[in-house]
Structures are given as structure tokens and as C-alpha cells.
Amino acid sequence: MKPMIWHPEPNDKKVNVYLDSMNHEPWLAIYAGMIMLLGMFTLLVLLGVF
């Protein structure tokens, strides 16, 4: 059975560097999608008025 106390392993630093470089939220795509949805909603409302 392994001990319950965690000690850093040699590979941990490399894994953390990889995760920091790759694991980010796509904020630009989220904002672009929100703006497109708002624009389409506005367009539908304006077309529905006429």
C-alpha cells in the first residue's frame, strides 16, 4: 500500500508545464459565439417587427 503523504515525482514538473500550455478555456470562441447569438436574436426581432 502506498503512503498517504504525497511527494513530488520527477515527471510532475513536465506534466504541469504541458497542462499550463495546453489547458486553457477558448475565451475568444465563447465571446464570438455570444456576439453571434446576440446579433442573430436582434436580427430575428427586427425582422419579426416588420
PDB file of N, CA and C in Angstrom:
ATOM      1  N   MET A   1       0.847  -1.188   0.000  1.00  0.00           N
ATOM      2  CA  MET A   1       0.000   0.000   0.000  1.00  0.00           C
ATOM      3  C   MET A   1       0.891   1.250   0.000  1.00  0.00           C
ATOM      4  N   LYS A   2       0.516   2.225  -0.812  1.00  0.00           N
ATOM      5  CA  LYS A   2       1.310   3.458  -0.880  1.00  0.00           C
ATOM      6  C   LYS A   2       1.045   4.320   0.354  1.00  0.00           C
ATOM      7  N   PRO A   3       2.030   5.113   0.768  1.00  0.00           N
ATOM      8  CA  PRO A   3       1.791   6.033   1.890  1.00  0.00           C
ATOM      9  C   PRO A   3       0.821   7.137   1.473  1.00  0.00           C
ATOM     10  N   MET A   4       0.112   7.692   2.449  1.00  0.00           N
ATOM     11  CA  MET A   4      -0.904   8.705   2.176  1.00  0.00           C
ATOM     12  C   MET A   4      -0.313  10.101   1.948  1.00  0.00           C
ATOM     13  N   ILE A   5       0.933  10.300   2.268  1.00  0.00           N
ATOM     14  CA  ILE A   5       1.568  11.611   2.093  1.00  0.00           C
ATOM     15  C   ILE A   5       2.092  11.702   0.661  1.00  0.00           C
ATOM     16  N   TRP A   6       1.726  12.790  -0.030  1.00  0.00           N
ATOM     17  CA  TRP A   6       2.147  12.960  -1.416  1.00  0.00           C
ATOM     18  C   TRP A   6       3.513  13.633  -1.459  1.00  0.00           C
ATOM     19  N   HIS A   7       4.376  13.082  -2.271  1.00  0.00           N
ATOM     20  CA  HIS A   7       5.692  13.674  -2.513  1.00  0.00           C
ATOM     21  C   HIS A   7       5.813  13.909  -4.011  1.00  0.00           C
ATOM     22  N   PRO A   8       6.379  15.041  -4.424  1.00  0.00           N
ATOM     23  CA  PRO A   8       6.522  15.303  -5.861  1.00  0.00           C
ATOM     24  C   PRO A   8       7.341  14.210  -6.549  1.00  0.00           C
ATOM     25  N   GLU A   9       6.910  13.875  -7.735  1.00  0.00           N
ATOM     26  CA  GLU A   9       7.635  12.888  -8.525  1.00  0.00           C
ATOM     27  C   GLU A   9       8.410  13.612  -9.616  1.00  0.00           C
ATOM     28  N   PRO A  10       9.422  12.984 -10.168  1.00  0.00           N
ATOM     29  CA  PRO A  10      10.264  13.665 -11.180  1.00  0.00           C
ATOM     30  C   PRO A  10       9.471  14.111 -12.414  1.00  0.00           C
ATOM     31  N   ASN A  11       8.441  13.397 -12.789  1.00  0.00           N
ATOM     32  CA  ASN A  11       7.692  13.708 -14.008  1.00  0.00           C
ATOM     33  C   ASN A  11       6.641  14.794 -13.784  1.00  0.00           C
ATOM     34  N   ASP A  12       6.350  15.160 -12.541  1.00  0.00           N
ATOM     35  CA  ASP A  12       5.277  16.113 -12.250  1.00  0.00           C
ATOM     36  C   ASP A  12       5.515  17.481 -12.870  1.00  0.00           C
ATOM     37  N   LYS A  13       6.736  17.969 -12.848  1.00  0.00           N
ATOM     38  CA  LYS A  13       7.020  19.301 -13.387  1.00  0.00           C
ATOM     39  C   LYS A  13       6.744  19.353 -14.889  1.00  0.00           C
ATOM     40  N   LYS A  14       7.143  18.303 -15.599  1.00  0.00           N
ATOM     41  CA  LYS A  14       6.917  18.246 -17.042  1.00  0.00           C
ATOM     42  C   LYS A  14       5.415  18.195 -17.348  1.00  0.00           C
ATOM     43  N   VAL A  15       4.671  17.438 -16.576  1.00  0.00           N
ATOM     44  CA  VAL A  15       3.230  17.336 -16.779  1.00  0.00           C
ATOM     45  C   VAL A  15       2.570  18.691 -16.502  1.00  0.00           C
ATOM     46  N   ASN A  16       2.988  19.379 -15.453  1.00  0.00           N
ATOM     47  CA  ASN A  16       2.415  20.684 -15.128  1.00  0.00           C
ATOM     48  C   ASN A  16       2.704  21.713 -16.207  1.00  0.00           C
ATOM     49  N   VAL A  17       3.888  21.712 -16.761  1.00  0.00           N
ATOM     50  CA  VAL A  17       4.229  22.636 -17.845  1.00  0.00           C
ATOM     51  C   VAL A  17       3.351  22.350 -19.059  1.00  0.00           C
ATOM     52  N   TYR A  18       3.154  21.073 -19.366  1.00  0.00           N
ATOM     53  CA  TYR A  18       2.293  20.707 -20.503  1.00  0.00           C
ATOM     54  C   TYR A  18       0.863  21.169 -20.262  1.00  0.00           C
ATOM     55  N   LEU A  19       0.326  20.919 -19.081  1.00  0.00           N
ATOM     56  CA  LEU A  19      -1.050  21.309 -18.791  1.00  0.00           C
ATOM     57  C   LEU A  19      -1.212  22.824 -18.813  1.00  0.00           C
ATOM     58  N   ASP A  20      -0.222  23.566 -18.322  1.00  0.00           N
ATOM     59  CA  ASP A  20      -0.301  25.027 -18.358  1.00  0.00           C
ATOM     60  C   ASP A  20      -0.307  25.552 -19.782  1.00  0.00           C
ATOM     61  N   SER A  21       0.388  24.876 -20.678  1.00  0.00           N
ATOM     62  CA  SER A  21       0.463  25.368 -22.055  1.00  0.00           C
ATOM     63  C   SER A  21      -0.753  24.940 -22.879  1.00  0.00           C
ATOM     64  N   MET A  22      -1.415  23.848 -22.538  1.00  0.00           N
ATOM     65  CA  MET A  22      -2.477  23.305 -23.381  1.00  0.00           C
ATOM     66  C   MET A  22      -3.883  23.491 -22.813  1.00  0.00           C
ATOM     67  N   ASN A  23      -4.030  23.600 -21.525  1.00  0.00           N
ATOM     68  CA  ASN A  23      -5.347  23.520 -20.910  1.00  0.00           C
ATOM     69  C   ASN A  23      -5.883  24.917 -20.603  1.00  0.00           C
ATOM     70  N   HIS A  24      -6.385  25.604 -21.630  1.00  0.00           N
ATOM     71  CA  HIS A  24      -6.949  26.928 -21.439  1.00  0.00           C
ATOM     72  C   HIS A  24      -8.337  26.978 -22.057  1.00  0.00           C
ATOM     73  N   GLU A  25      -9.198  27.779 -21.473  1.00  0.00           N
ATOM     74  CA  GLU A  25     -10.542  27.930 -21.994  1.00  0.00           C
ATOM     75  C   GLU A  25     -10.499  28.753 -23.285  1.00  0.00           C
ATOM     76  N   PRO A  26     -11.333  28.414 -24.241  1.00  0.00           N
ATOM     77  CA  PRO A  26     -11.356  29.159 -25.512  1.00  0.00           C
ATOM     78  C   PRO A  26     -12.201  30.429 -25.386  1.00  0.00           C
ATOM     79  N   TRP A  27     -11.691  31.429 -24.661  1.00  0.00           N
ATOM     80  CA  TRP A  27     -12.469  32.644 -24.396  1.00  0.00           C
ATOM     81  C   TRP A  27     -12.853  33.369 -25.668  1.00  0.00           C
ATOM     82  N   LEU A  28     -11.971  33.401 -26.647  1.00  0.00           N
ATOM     83  CA  LEU A  28     -12.270  34.097 -27.898  1.00  0.00           C
ATOM     84  C   LEU A  28     -13.463  33.441 -28.598  1.00  0.00           C
ATOM     85  N   ALA A  29     -13.494  32.128 -28.651  1.00  0.00           N
ATOM     86  CA  ALA A  29     -14.611  31.430 -29.291  1.00  0.00           C
ATOM     87  C   ALA A  29     -15.903  31.623 -28.496  1.00  0.00           C
ATOM     88  N   ILE A  30     -15.811  31.633 -27.181  1.00  0.00           N
ATOM     89  CA  ILE A  30     -17.003  31.840 -26.349  1.00  0.00           C
ATOM     90  C   ILE A  30     -17.577  33.231 -26.593  1.00  0.00           C
ATOM     91  N   TYR A  31     -16.719  34.245 -26.579  1.00  0.00           N
ATOM     92  CA  TYR A  31     -17.183  35.618 -26.816  1.00  0.00           C
ATOM     93  C   TYR A  31     -17.747  35.775 -28.225  1.00  0.00           C
ATOM     94  N   ALA A  32     -17.079  35.184 -29.221  1.00  0.00           N
ATOM     95  CA  ALA A  32     -17.561  35.286 -30.600  1.00  0.00           C
ATOM     96  C   ALA A  32     -18.935  34.623 -30.739  1.00  0.00           C
ATOM     97  N   GLY A  33     -19.108  33.467 -30.103  1.00  0.00           N
ATOM     98  CA  GLY A  33     -20.406  32.793 -30.153  1.00  0.00           C
ATOM     99  C   GLY A  33     -21.492  33.607 -29.479  1.00  0.00           C
ATOM    100  N   MET A  34     -21.173  34.245 -28.354  1.00  0.00           N
ATOM    101  CA  MET A  34     -22.169  35.073 -27.668  1.00  0.00           C
ATOM    102  C   MET A  34     -22.568  36.267 -28.524  1.00  0.00           C
ATOM    103  N   ILE A  35     -21.591  36.900 -29.173  1.00  0.00           N
ATOM    104  CA  ILE A  35     -21.887  38.056 -30.030  1.00  0.00           C
ATOM    105  C   ILE A  35     -22.719  37.619 -31.232  1.00  0.00           C
ATOM    106  N   MET A  36     -22.394  36.447 -31.806  1.00  0.00           N
ATOM    107  CA  MET A  36     -23.179  35.959 -32.942  1.00  0.00           C
ATOM    108  C   MET A  36     -24.609  35.643 -32.520  1.00  0.00           C
ATOM    109  N   LEU A  37     -24.792  35.018 -31.368  1.00  0.00           N
ATOM    110  CA  LEU A  37     -26.145  34.721 -30.895  1.00  0.00           C
ATOM    111  C   LEU A  37     -26.937  35.997 -30.629  1.00  0.00           C
ATOM    112  N   LEU A  38     -26.290  36.981 -30.042  1.00  0.00           N
ATOM    113  CA  LEU A  38     -26.961  38.255 -29.790  1.00  0.00           C
ATOM    114  C   LEU A  38     -27.346  38.930 -31.104  1.00  0.00           C
ATOM    115  N   GLY A  39     -26.445  38.906 -32.073  1.00  0.00           N
ATOM    116  CA  GLY A  39     -26.728  39.500 -33.376  1.00  0.00           C
ATOM    117  C   GLY A  39     -27.861  38.791 -34.101  1.00  0.00           C
ATOM    118  N   MET A  40     -27.876  37.462 -34.048  1.00  0.00           N
ATOM    119  CA  MET A  40     -28.950  36.713 -34.707  1.00  0.00           C
ATOM    120  C   MET A  40     -30.288  36.961 -34.016  1.00  0.00           C
ATOM    121  N   PHE A  41     -30.277  37.020 -32.692  1.00  0.00           N
ATOM    122  CA  PHE A  41     -31.506  37.305 -31.954  1.00  0.00           C
ATOM    123  C   PHE A  41     -32.039  38.690 -32.311  1.00  0.00           C
ATOM    124  N   THR A  42     -31.136  39.671 -32.358  1.00  0.00           N
ATOM    125  CA  THR A  42     -31.531  41.036 -32.719  1.00  0.00           C
ATOM    126  C   THR A  42     -32.085  41.074 -34.140  1.00  0.00           C
ATOM    127  N   LEU A  43     -31.439  40.388 -35.060  1.00  0.00           N
ATOM    128  CA  LEU A  43     -31.911  40.339 -36.442  1.00  0.00           C
ATOM    129  C   LEU A  43     -33.302  39.708 -36.521  1.00  0.00           C
ATOM    130  N   LEU A  44     -33.517  38.615 -35.811  1.00  0.00           N
ATOM    131  CA  LEU A  44     -34.841  37.972 -35.824  1.00  0.00           C
ATOM    132  C   LEU A  44     -35.911  38.878 -35.232  1.00  0.00           C
ATOM    133  N   VAL A  45     -35.585  39.589 -34.166  1.00  0.00           N
ATOM    134  CA  VAL A  45     -36.557  40.508 -33.558  1.00  0.00           C
ATOM    135  C   VAL A  45     -36.883  41.638 -34.534  1.00  0.00           C
ATOM    136  N   LEU A  46     -35.862  42.199 -35.176  1.00  0.00           N
ATOM    137  CA  LEU A  46     -36.109  43.283 -36.125  1.00  0.00           C
ATOM    138  C   LEU A  46     -36.907  42.818 -37.335  1.00  0.00           C
ATOM    139  N   LEU A  47     -36.616  41.598 -37.836  1.00  0.00           N
ATOM    140  CA  LEU A  47     -37.383  41.077 -38.959  1.00  0.00           C
ATOM    141  C   LEU A  47     -38.809  40.727 -38.541  1.00  0.00           C
ATOM    142  N   GLY A  48     -38.993  40.319 -37.298  1.00  0.00           N
ATOM    143  CA  GLY A  48     -40.327  39.980 -36.819  1.00  0.00           C
ATOM    144  C   GLY A  48     -41.205  41.198 -36.630  1.00  0.00           C
ATOM    145  N   VAL A  49     -40.616  42.358 -36.420  1.00  0.00           N
ATOM    146  CA  VAL A  49     -41.388  43.591 -36.224  1.00  0.00           C
ATOM    147  C   VAL A  49     -42.044  44.010 -37.531  1.00  0.00           C
ATOM    148  N   PHE A  50     -41.349  43.818 -38.647  1.00  0.00           N
ATOM    149  CA  PHE A  50     -41.873  44.287 -39.931  1.00  0.00           C
ATOM    150  C   PHE A  50     -42.762  43.284 -40.590  1.00  0.00           C
TER     151      PHE A  50
END
